[in-house]
Amino acid sequence: MAMFTRTPIGRIPTRTTHMGTIRRRRPGSGYASALARANAANERRYQDILAGYQTRESAVMGLLDQMGTTQAANIQSAARQSERQSAAELTARGLAGTTIMPSMRAGIRARAARSMADLGVRTAVQRASLLSALRGDMLQFMERRTDAGPSTGAWANALQALGYGLGRRGI
């Protein structure tokens, strides 16, 4: 049950506490606490969204790392297979003990090293591109953040306009 206390400017809501005493509520105190709760909830949601962006970035970078590791393993496997195949061909032709085999191995290893270097460059370019896009999304979200809640001045103006409108109607 709402209780009111008379004052020179009108009635002010009061409430009874669990001990039975009556305490006067300050006008506007409900607004301030509601605004503080709303701002805290907004900040929690904002931090959750930022954490989601960071989780997405970590997942994408992890996937890129896995792809790079797989491609590196494929390059090394292909180089080993090429070495074995070349050795088998040279042995079948009776050229295993010549200087051709070490030269072929050196050529295969040089091609594999170039492929690994190219992979490193491609991975770095992909990483930079993805990070730019992902962080750009997060920064755009951060730019769109507007935390300006209603000011007490704006509320006062709105209430004044409402009172003026009601007064003109004779209410």
N, C-alpha and C. Protein backbone atom coordinates (compact mmCIF):
# COMPACT_ATOMS: atom_id res chain seq x y z
N MET A 1 0.85 -1.18 0.00
CA MET A 1 0.00 0.00 0.00
C MET A 1 0.89 1.23 0.00
N ALA A 2 0.63 2.13 -0.93
CA ALA A 2 1.43 3.35 -1.03
C ALA A 2 0.96 4.35 0.02
N MET A 3 1.92 4.96 0.68
CA MET A 3 1.61 5.98 1.67
C MET A 3 2.25 7.27 1.22
N PHE A 4 1.64 8.39 1.59
CA PHE A 4 2.14 9.69 1.19
C PHE A 4 2.27 10.59 2.42
N THR A 5 3.23 11.49 2.38
CA THR A 5 3.41 12.48 3.42
C THR A 5 3.14 13.83 2.80
N ARG A 6 2.35 14.66 3.50
CA ARG A 6 2.06 16.00 2.98
C ARG A 6 3.24 16.92 3.22
N THR A 7 3.57 17.71 2.22
CA THR A 7 4.62 18.71 2.32
C THR A 7 4.06 20.01 1.77
N PRO A 8 4.75 21.13 1.94
CA PRO A 8 4.25 22.40 1.42
C PRO A 8 4.06 22.38 -0.10
N ILE A 9 4.79 21.52 -0.82
CA ILE A 9 4.64 21.51 -2.28
C ILE A 9 3.77 20.37 -2.77
N GLY A 10 3.25 19.57 -1.90
CA GLY A 10 2.39 18.47 -2.31
C GLY A 10 2.68 17.22 -1.50
N ARG A 11 2.22 16.10 -2.03
CA ARG A 11 2.41 14.83 -1.34
C ARG A 11 3.66 14.14 -1.87
N ILE A 12 4.45 13.51 -0.95
CA ILE A 12 5.66 12.77 -1.31
C ILE A 12 5.44 11.32 -0.89
N PRO A 13 5.73 10.36 -1.78
CA PRO A 13 5.54 8.95 -1.41
C PRO A 13 6.49 8.54 -0.29
N THR A 14 5.98 7.75 0.62
CA THR A 14 6.80 7.17 1.70
C THR A 14 6.52 5.69 1.73
N ARG A 15 7.35 4.95 2.40
CA ARG A 15 7.09 3.52 2.53
C ARG A 15 7.44 3.07 3.94
N THR A 16 6.88 1.97 4.31
CA THR A 16 7.13 1.39 5.62
C THR A 16 8.20 0.33 5.47
N THR A 17 9.22 0.38 6.34
CA THR A 17 10.28 -0.62 6.29
C THR A 17 9.86 -1.83 7.10
N HIS A 18 10.69 -2.85 7.11
CA HIS A 18 10.36 -4.07 7.84
C HIS A 18 10.29 -3.83 9.35
N MET A 19 10.87 -2.74 9.84
CA MET A 19 10.83 -2.44 11.27
C MET A 19 9.61 -1.59 11.62
N GLY A 20 8.85 -1.18 10.65
CA GLY A 20 7.65 -0.41 10.92
C GLY A 20 7.86 1.09 10.89
N THR A 21 9.05 1.57 10.67
CA THR A 21 9.26 3.01 10.61
C THR A 21 9.00 3.51 9.21
N ILE A 22 8.62 4.74 9.12
CA ILE A 22 8.31 5.33 7.82
C ILE A 22 9.52 6.15 7.39
N ARG A 23 9.92 5.91 6.16
CA ARG A 23 11.06 6.62 5.60
C ARG A 23 10.59 7.34 4.34
N ARG A 24 10.99 8.57 4.22
CA ARG A 24 10.58 9.37 3.07
C ARG A 24 11.51 9.08 1.90
N ARG A 25 10.92 8.84 0.73
CA ARG A 25 11.71 8.62 -0.48
C ARG A 25 12.04 9.94 -1.12
N ARG A 26 13.29 10.08 -1.53
CA ARG A 26 13.68 11.31 -2.23
C ARG A 26 13.12 11.28 -3.64
N PRO A 27 12.58 12.40 -4.09
CA PRO A 27 12.09 12.44 -5.47
C PRO A 27 13.27 12.20 -6.42
N GLY A 28 13.06 11.35 -7.42
CA GLY A 28 14.10 11.09 -8.41
C GLY A 28 15.07 10.01 -8.04
N SER A 29 15.02 9.50 -6.79
CA SER A 29 15.99 8.48 -6.39
C SER A 29 15.76 7.18 -7.15
N GLY A 30 14.54 6.88 -7.49
CA GLY A 30 14.24 5.68 -8.27
C GLY A 30 14.82 5.78 -9.66
N TYR A 31 14.76 6.98 -10.23
CA TYR A 31 15.32 7.19 -11.57
C TYR A 31 16.83 6.97 -11.57
N ALA A 32 17.51 7.51 -10.57
CA ALA A 32 18.96 7.38 -10.52
C ALA A 32 19.38 5.92 -10.37
N SER A 33 18.69 5.18 -9.51
CA SER A 33 19.07 3.78 -9.34
C SER A 33 18.71 2.96 -10.58
N ALA A 34 17.59 3.26 -11.20
CA ALA A 34 17.22 2.55 -12.43
C ALA A 34 18.21 2.85 -13.54
N LEU A 35 18.64 4.11 -13.62
CA LEU A 35 19.63 4.49 -14.63
C LEU A 35 20.95 3.77 -14.38
N ALA A 36 21.37 3.69 -13.13
CA ALA A 36 22.62 2.99 -12.79
C ALA A 36 22.52 1.51 -13.14
N ARG A 37 21.37 0.88 -12.83
CA ARG A 37 21.19 -0.54 -13.18
C ARG A 37 21.18 -0.74 -14.69
N ALA A 38 20.51 0.14 -15.41
CA ALA A 38 20.46 0.04 -16.87
C ALA A 38 21.85 0.21 -17.47
N ASN A 39 22.59 1.19 -16.97
CA ASN A 39 23.95 1.40 -17.48
C ASN A 39 24.85 0.20 -17.20
N ALA A 40 24.71 -0.39 -16.01
CA ALA A 40 25.51 -1.58 -15.67
C ALA A 40 25.14 -2.75 -16.58
N ALA A 41 23.85 -2.93 -16.84
CA ALA A 41 23.42 -4.02 -17.74
C ALA A 41 23.93 -3.77 -19.16
N ASN A 42 23.88 -2.53 -19.61
CA ASN A 42 24.40 -2.20 -20.94
C ASN A 42 25.89 -2.47 -21.02
N GLU A 43 26.62 -2.13 -19.98
CA GLU A 43 28.07 -2.37 -19.98
C GLU A 43 28.38 -3.86 -20.01
N ARG A 44 27.60 -4.66 -19.27
CA ARG A 44 27.79 -6.11 -19.30
C ARG A 44 27.54 -6.66 -20.71
N ARG A 45 26.45 -6.22 -21.34
CA ARG A 45 26.15 -6.67 -22.70
C ARG A 45 27.25 -6.24 -23.67
N TYR A 46 27.73 -5.03 -23.52
CA TYR A 46 28.80 -4.51 -24.38
C TYR A 46 30.05 -5.36 -24.23
N GLN A 47 30.43 -5.67 -22.99
CA GLN A 47 31.61 -6.49 -22.75
C GLN A 47 31.42 -7.91 -23.29
N ASP A 48 30.19 -8.45 -23.18
CA ASP A 48 29.90 -9.78 -23.74
C ASP A 48 30.06 -9.78 -25.25
N ILE A 49 29.60 -8.72 -25.90
CA ILE A 49 29.71 -8.63 -27.35
C ILE A 49 31.18 -8.51 -27.75
N LEU A 50 31.95 -7.69 -27.04
CA LEU A 50 33.38 -7.58 -27.33
C LEU A 50 34.08 -8.92 -27.14
N ALA A 51 33.70 -9.66 -26.10
CA ALA A 51 34.28 -10.99 -25.88
C ALA A 51 33.92 -11.92 -27.03
N GLY A 52 32.72 -11.79 -27.56
CA GLY A 52 32.31 -12.58 -28.72
C GLY A 52 33.17 -12.28 -29.94
N TYR A 53 33.46 -11.00 -30.16
CA TYR A 53 34.35 -10.63 -31.27
C TYR A 53 35.73 -11.24 -31.07
N GLN A 54 36.23 -11.19 -29.84
CA GLN A 54 37.57 -11.73 -29.56
C GLN A 54 37.59 -13.25 -29.71
N THR A 55 36.51 -13.91 -29.32
CA THR A 55 36.41 -15.36 -29.48
C THR A 55 36.40 -15.72 -30.96
N ARG A 56 35.66 -14.95 -31.75
CA ARG A 56 35.60 -15.19 -33.19
C ARG A 56 36.99 -15.02 -33.80
N GLU A 57 37.69 -13.97 -33.39
CA GLU A 57 39.05 -13.73 -33.90
C GLU A 57 39.97 -14.89 -33.55
N SER A 58 39.91 -15.36 -32.32
CA SER A 58 40.76 -16.48 -31.90
C SER A 58 40.44 -17.74 -32.70
N ALA A 59 39.16 -17.99 -32.93
CA ALA A 59 38.76 -19.19 -33.69
C ALA A 59 39.25 -19.12 -35.12
N VAL A 60 39.11 -17.96 -35.76
CA VAL A 60 39.54 -17.81 -37.15
C VAL A 60 41.07 -17.94 -37.25
N MET A 61 41.78 -17.31 -36.31
CA MET A 61 43.25 -17.40 -36.35
C MET A 61 43.71 -18.84 -36.07
N GLY A 62 43.02 -19.55 -35.20
CA GLY A 62 43.34 -20.95 -34.95
C GLY A 62 43.13 -21.80 -36.19
N LEU A 63 42.03 -21.54 -36.89
CA LEU A 63 41.76 -22.26 -38.13
C LEU A 63 42.82 -21.97 -39.18
N LEU A 64 43.23 -20.71 -39.28
CA LEU A 64 44.29 -20.34 -40.23
C LEU A 64 45.61 -21.04 -39.87
N ASP A 65 45.92 -21.11 -38.59
CA ASP A 65 47.14 -21.81 -38.15
C ASP A 65 47.09 -23.29 -38.52
N GLN A 66 45.92 -23.91 -38.31
CA GLN A 66 45.76 -25.33 -38.66
C GLN A 66 45.94 -25.55 -40.16
N MET A 67 45.37 -24.65 -40.95
CA MET A 67 45.51 -24.77 -42.41
C MET A 67 46.97 -24.62 -42.82
N GLY A 68 47.68 -23.68 -42.22
CA GLY A 68 49.09 -23.49 -42.52
C GLY A 68 49.91 -24.71 -42.14
N THR A 69 49.62 -25.29 -40.99
CA THR A 69 50.34 -26.48 -40.53
C THR A 69 50.09 -27.65 -41.48
N THR A 70 48.84 -27.81 -41.90
CA THR A 70 48.50 -28.89 -42.84
C THR A 70 49.21 -28.69 -44.17
N GLN A 71 49.21 -27.46 -44.68
CA GLN A 71 49.88 -27.20 -45.96
C GLN A 71 51.39 -27.42 -45.84
N ALA A 72 51.99 -27.05 -44.73
CA ALA A 72 53.43 -27.28 -44.52
C ALA A 72 53.72 -28.78 -44.49
N ALA A 73 52.87 -29.54 -43.82
CA ALA A 73 53.06 -30.99 -43.76
C ALA A 73 52.92 -31.59 -45.16
N ASN A 74 51.98 -31.08 -45.95
CA ASN A 74 51.80 -31.57 -47.32
C ASN A 74 53.04 -31.28 -48.17
N ILE A 75 53.61 -30.09 -48.02
CA ILE A 75 54.82 -29.73 -48.78
C ILE A 75 55.97 -30.66 -48.40
N GLN A 76 56.16 -30.88 -47.12
CA GLN A 76 57.24 -31.76 -46.66
C GLN A 76 57.02 -33.20 -47.11
N SER A 77 55.79 -33.66 -47.05
CA SER A 77 55.47 -35.02 -47.49
C SER A 77 55.72 -35.17 -48.99
N ALA A 78 55.32 -34.19 -49.77
CA ALA A 78 55.55 -34.25 -51.22
C ALA A 78 57.05 -34.24 -51.53
N ALA A 79 57.83 -33.47 -50.78
CA ALA A 79 59.27 -33.43 -51.00
C ALA A 79 59.89 -34.79 -50.68
N ARG A 80 59.49 -35.41 -49.58
CA ARG A 80 60.03 -36.73 -49.23
C ARG A 80 59.64 -37.77 -50.28
N GLN A 81 58.39 -37.71 -50.74
CA GLN A 81 57.93 -38.66 -51.77
C GLN A 81 58.71 -38.45 -53.07
N SER A 82 58.95 -37.21 -53.42
CA SER A 82 59.71 -36.91 -54.63
C SER A 82 61.15 -37.42 -54.51
N GLU A 83 61.74 -37.26 -53.33
CA GLU A 83 63.10 -37.79 -53.11
C GLU A 83 63.13 -39.31 -53.26
N ARG A 84 62.15 -39.99 -52.65
CA ARG A 84 62.09 -41.45 -52.75
C ARG A 84 61.90 -41.91 -54.19
N GLN A 85 60.99 -41.21 -54.90
CA GLN A 85 60.72 -41.57 -56.29
C GLN A 85 61.97 -41.34 -57.16
N SER A 86 62.65 -40.23 -56.96
CA SER A 86 63.87 -39.95 -57.73
C SER A 86 64.95 -40.98 -57.43
N ALA A 87 65.09 -41.33 -56.15
CA ALA A 87 66.10 -42.33 -55.77
C ALA A 87 65.79 -43.68 -56.41
N ALA A 88 64.50 -44.05 -56.42
CA ALA A 88 64.11 -45.33 -57.02
C ALA A 88 64.39 -45.33 -58.52
N GLU A 89 64.10 -44.23 -59.19
CA GLU A 89 64.35 -44.14 -60.64
C GLU A 89 65.84 -44.21 -60.95
N LEU A 90 66.64 -43.48 -60.17
CA LEU A 90 68.09 -43.50 -60.40
C LEU A 90 68.67 -44.89 -60.12
N THR A 91 68.16 -45.55 -59.09
CA THR A 91 68.64 -46.89 -58.75
C THR A 91 68.26 -47.86 -59.87
N ALA A 92 67.04 -47.74 -60.39
CA ALA A 92 66.59 -48.62 -61.47
C ALA A 92 67.46 -48.44 -62.72
N ARG A 93 67.99 -47.27 -62.93
CA ARG A 93 68.83 -47.00 -64.10
C ARG A 93 70.32 -47.27 -63.83
N GLY A 94 70.62 -47.61 -62.60
CA GLY A 94 72.01 -47.91 -62.25
C GLY A 94 72.84 -46.66 -61.98
N LEU A 95 72.18 -45.56 -61.64
CA LEU A 95 72.89 -44.30 -61.40
C LEU A 95 72.88 -43.88 -59.93
N ALA A 96 72.59 -44.82 -59.02
CA ALA A 96 72.46 -44.49 -57.60
C ALA A 96 73.77 -44.03 -56.99
N GLY A 97 74.89 -44.51 -57.46
CA GLY A 97 76.16 -44.14 -56.86
C GLY A 97 76.81 -42.93 -57.50
N THR A 98 76.12 -42.26 -58.40
CA THR A 98 76.71 -41.11 -59.08
C THR A 98 76.40 -39.82 -58.34
N THR A 99 76.89 -38.72 -58.87
CA THR A 99 76.64 -37.41 -58.24
C THR A 99 75.27 -36.85 -58.60
N ILE A 100 74.53 -37.56 -59.41
CA ILE A 100 73.20 -37.08 -59.82
C ILE A 100 72.24 -37.08 -58.62
N MET A 101 72.29 -38.15 -57.80
CA MET A 101 71.33 -38.27 -56.69
C MET A 101 71.47 -37.11 -55.69
N PRO A 102 72.65 -36.77 -55.21
CA PRO A 102 72.74 -35.63 -54.29
C PRO A 102 72.27 -34.32 -54.94
N SER A 103 72.54 -34.15 -56.22
CA SER A 103 72.08 -32.93 -56.91
C SER A 103 70.56 -32.88 -56.98
N MET A 104 69.94 -34.04 -57.27
CA MET A 104 68.47 -34.08 -57.33
C MET A 104 67.86 -33.81 -55.95
N ARG A 105 68.45 -34.41 -54.92
CA ARG A 105 67.95 -34.17 -53.55
C ARG A 105 68.07 -32.69 -53.19
N ALA A 106 69.19 -32.07 -53.55
CA ALA A 106 69.37 -30.64 -53.25
C ALA A 106 68.32 -29.81 -53.98
N GLY A 107 68.03 -30.16 -55.23
CA GLY A 107 67.01 -29.44 -56.00
C GLY A 107 65.62 -29.60 -55.39
N ILE A 108 65.30 -30.83 -54.98
CA ILE A 108 63.99 -31.10 -54.37
C ILE A 108 63.86 -30.33 -53.05
N ARG A 109 64.93 -30.34 -52.25
CA ARG A 109 64.90 -29.64 -50.96
C ARG A 109 64.81 -28.12 -51.15
N ALA A 110 65.48 -27.61 -52.18
CA ALA A 110 65.41 -26.16 -52.48
C ALA A 110 63.99 -25.78 -52.90
N ARG A 111 63.35 -26.62 -53.73
CA ARG A 111 61.95 -26.35 -54.12
C ARG A 111 61.03 -26.39 -52.91
N ALA A 112 61.26 -27.35 -52.03
CA ALA A 112 60.44 -27.46 -50.81
C ALA A 112 60.65 -26.23 -49.92
N ALA A 113 61.90 -25.76 -49.82
CA ALA A 113 62.18 -24.56 -49.00
C ALA A 113 61.49 -23.34 -49.59
N ARG A 114 61.51 -23.21 -50.93
CA ARG A 114 60.81 -22.08 -51.58
C ARG A 114 59.30 -22.17 -51.34
N SER A 115 58.77 -23.39 -51.43
CA SER A 115 57.34 -23.59 -51.19
C SER A 115 56.98 -23.23 -49.75
N MET A 116 57.83 -23.60 -48.81
CA MET A 116 57.59 -23.26 -47.40
C MET A 116 57.65 -21.75 -47.19
N ALA A 117 58.61 -21.09 -47.85
CA ALA A 117 58.71 -19.63 -47.73
C ALA A 117 57.48 -18.96 -48.33
N ASP A 118 57.03 -19.45 -49.50
CA ASP A 118 55.82 -18.91 -50.12
C ASP A 118 54.60 -19.11 -49.22
N LEU A 119 54.55 -20.29 -48.60
CA LEU A 119 53.45 -20.57 -47.67
C LEU A 119 53.48 -19.59 -46.51
N GLY A 120 54.67 -19.31 -45.99
CA GLY A 120 54.78 -18.35 -44.89
C GLY A 120 54.30 -16.96 -45.29
N VAL A 121 54.64 -16.55 -46.51
CA VAL A 121 54.19 -15.23 -46.99
C VAL A 121 52.68 -15.23 -47.18
N ARG A 122 52.14 -16.28 -47.82
CA ARG A 122 50.68 -16.35 -48.04
C ARG A 122 49.93 -16.34 -46.71
N THR A 123 50.44 -17.11 -45.75
CA THR A 123 49.79 -17.18 -44.44
C THR A 123 49.84 -15.82 -43.74
N ALA A 124 50.96 -15.14 -43.84
CA ALA A 124 51.09 -13.81 -43.20
C ALA A 124 50.13 -12.82 -43.84
N VAL A 125 50.01 -12.87 -45.17
CA VAL A 125 49.09 -11.96 -45.87
C VAL A 125 47.65 -12.28 -45.47
N GLN A 126 47.30 -13.57 -45.43
CA GLN A 126 45.94 -13.95 -45.02
C GLN A 126 45.66 -13.53 -43.58
N ARG A 127 46.65 -13.72 -42.71
CA ARG A 127 46.49 -13.34 -41.30
C ARG A 127 46.24 -11.84 -41.19
N ALA A 128 47.05 -11.05 -41.90
CA ALA A 128 46.88 -9.58 -41.84
C ALA A 128 45.52 -9.17 -42.38
N SER A 129 45.10 -9.78 -43.48
CA SER A 129 43.81 -9.44 -44.07
C SER A 129 42.66 -9.81 -43.14
N LEU A 130 42.71 -11.01 -42.58
CA LEU A 130 41.65 -11.45 -41.68
C LEU A 130 41.61 -10.62 -40.40
N LEU A 131 42.78 -10.35 -39.83
CA LEU A 131 42.81 -9.53 -38.61
C LEU A 131 42.27 -8.14 -38.88
N SER A 132 42.62 -7.59 -40.03
CA SER A 132 42.11 -6.26 -40.38
C SER A 132 40.59 -6.28 -40.47
N ALA A 133 40.05 -7.28 -41.14
CA ALA A 133 38.59 -7.37 -41.28
C ALA A 133 37.91 -7.61 -39.93
N LEU A 134 38.44 -8.57 -39.16
CA LEU A 134 37.81 -8.90 -37.87
C LEU A 134 37.89 -7.74 -36.89
N ARG A 135 39.06 -7.14 -36.79
CA ARG A 135 39.20 -6.02 -35.85
C ARG A 135 38.45 -4.79 -36.36
N GLY A 136 38.36 -4.66 -37.69
CA GLY A 136 37.56 -3.56 -38.24
C GLY A 136 36.11 -3.69 -37.84
N ASP A 137 35.57 -4.92 -37.89
CA ASP A 137 34.19 -5.15 -37.44
C ASP A 137 34.03 -4.74 -35.99
N MET A 138 34.99 -5.15 -35.15
CA MET A 138 34.90 -4.85 -33.72
C MET A 138 35.01 -3.33 -33.49
N LEU A 139 35.92 -2.68 -34.20
CA LEU A 139 36.08 -1.23 -34.03
C LEU A 139 34.84 -0.48 -34.50
N GLN A 140 34.22 -0.95 -35.58
CA GLN A 140 32.98 -0.31 -36.04
C GLN A 140 31.88 -0.46 -34.99
N PHE A 141 31.82 -1.64 -34.38
CA PHE A 141 30.84 -1.83 -33.31
C PHE A 141 31.12 -0.88 -32.16
N MET A 142 32.40 -0.75 -31.80
CA MET A 142 32.77 0.13 -30.69
C MET A 142 32.46 1.58 -31.03
N GLU A 143 32.64 1.98 -32.29
CA GLU A 143 32.32 3.35 -32.69
C GLU A 143 30.84 3.65 -32.59
N ARG A 144 30.01 2.64 -32.87
CA ARG A 144 28.56 2.86 -32.85
C ARG A 144 28.00 2.93 -31.45
N ARG A 145 28.81 2.67 -30.45
CA ARG A 145 28.31 2.66 -29.07
C ARG A 145 27.92 4.07 -28.65
N THR A 146 26.73 4.19 -28.15
CA THR A 146 26.26 5.46 -27.60
C THR A 146 25.69 5.17 -26.23
N ASP A 147 26.34 5.74 -25.23
CA ASP A 147 25.91 5.50 -23.86
C ASP A 147 25.21 6.69 -23.24
N ALA A 148 24.96 7.70 -24.03
CA ALA A 148 24.33 8.90 -23.48
C ALA A 148 22.88 8.58 -23.14
N GLY A 149 22.61 8.43 -21.87
CA GLY A 149 21.25 8.19 -21.42
C GLY A 149 20.52 9.52 -21.30
N PRO A 150 19.26 9.45 -20.98
CA PRO A 150 18.51 10.70 -20.85
C PRO A 150 19.03 11.51 -19.66
N SER A 151 19.23 12.77 -19.88
CA SER A 151 19.72 13.63 -18.81
C SER A 151 18.54 14.12 -17.98
N THR A 152 18.82 14.54 -16.76
CA THR A 152 17.73 15.06 -15.92
C THR A 152 17.18 16.35 -16.50
N GLY A 153 18.03 17.10 -17.20
CA GLY A 153 17.54 18.31 -17.86
C GLY A 153 16.53 17.99 -18.95
N ALA A 154 16.80 16.93 -19.71
CA ALA A 154 15.87 16.51 -20.76
C ALA A 154 14.56 16.06 -20.16
N TRP A 155 14.65 15.32 -19.04
CA TRP A 155 13.42 14.90 -18.37
C TRP A 155 12.64 16.11 -17.84
N ALA A 156 13.36 17.06 -17.28
CA ALA A 156 12.68 18.25 -16.75
C ALA A 156 11.98 19.00 -17.87
N ASN A 157 12.64 19.14 -19.02
CA ASN A 157 12.02 19.82 -20.15
C ASN A 157 10.79 19.07 -20.64
N ALA A 158 10.89 17.73 -20.70
CA ALA A 158 9.75 16.93 -21.15
C ALA A 158 8.58 17.06 -20.19
N LEU A 159 8.87 17.02 -18.88
CA LEU A 159 7.80 17.15 -17.89
C LEU A 159 7.20 18.56 -17.93
N GLN A 160 8.04 19.55 -18.14
CA GLN A 160 7.54 20.93 -18.24
C GLN A 160 6.61 21.07 -19.44
N ALA A 161 7.02 20.48 -20.57
CA ALA A 161 6.17 20.54 -21.76
C ALA A 161 4.87 19.79 -21.53
N LEU A 162 4.94 18.66 -20.84
CA LEU A 162 3.74 17.90 -20.53
C LEU A 162 2.83 18.71 -19.62
N GLY A 163 3.42 19.32 -18.60
CA GLY A 163 2.61 20.14 -17.69
C GLY A 163 1.99 21.32 -18.40
N TYR A 164 2.72 21.92 -19.31
CA TYR A 164 2.19 23.06 -20.07
C TYR A 164 1.02 22.58 -20.93
N GLY A 165 1.19 21.43 -21.59
CA GLY A 165 0.12 20.89 -22.43
C GLY A 165 -1.11 20.53 -21.63
N LEU A 166 -0.91 19.91 -20.47
CA LEU A 166 -2.05 19.56 -19.63
C LEU A 166 -2.71 20.80 -19.05
N GLY A 167 -1.89 21.80 -18.73
CA GLY A 167 -2.44 23.04 -18.18
C GLY A 167 -3.31 23.77 -19.19
N ARG A 168 -2.90 23.75 -20.44
CA ARG A 168 -3.68 24.41 -21.49
C ARG A 168 -5.01 23.72 -21.71
N ARG A 169 -5.06 22.41 -21.42
CA ARG A 169 -6.31 21.67 -21.58
C ARG A 169 -7.22 21.82 -20.37
N GLY A 170 -6.67 22.38 -19.32
CA GLY A 170 -7.46 22.56 -18.10
C GLY A 170 -7.47 21.32 -17.22
N ILE A 171 -6.47 20.49 -17.38
CA ILE A 171 -6.43 19.26 -16.59
C ILE A 171 -5.60 19.49 -15.36
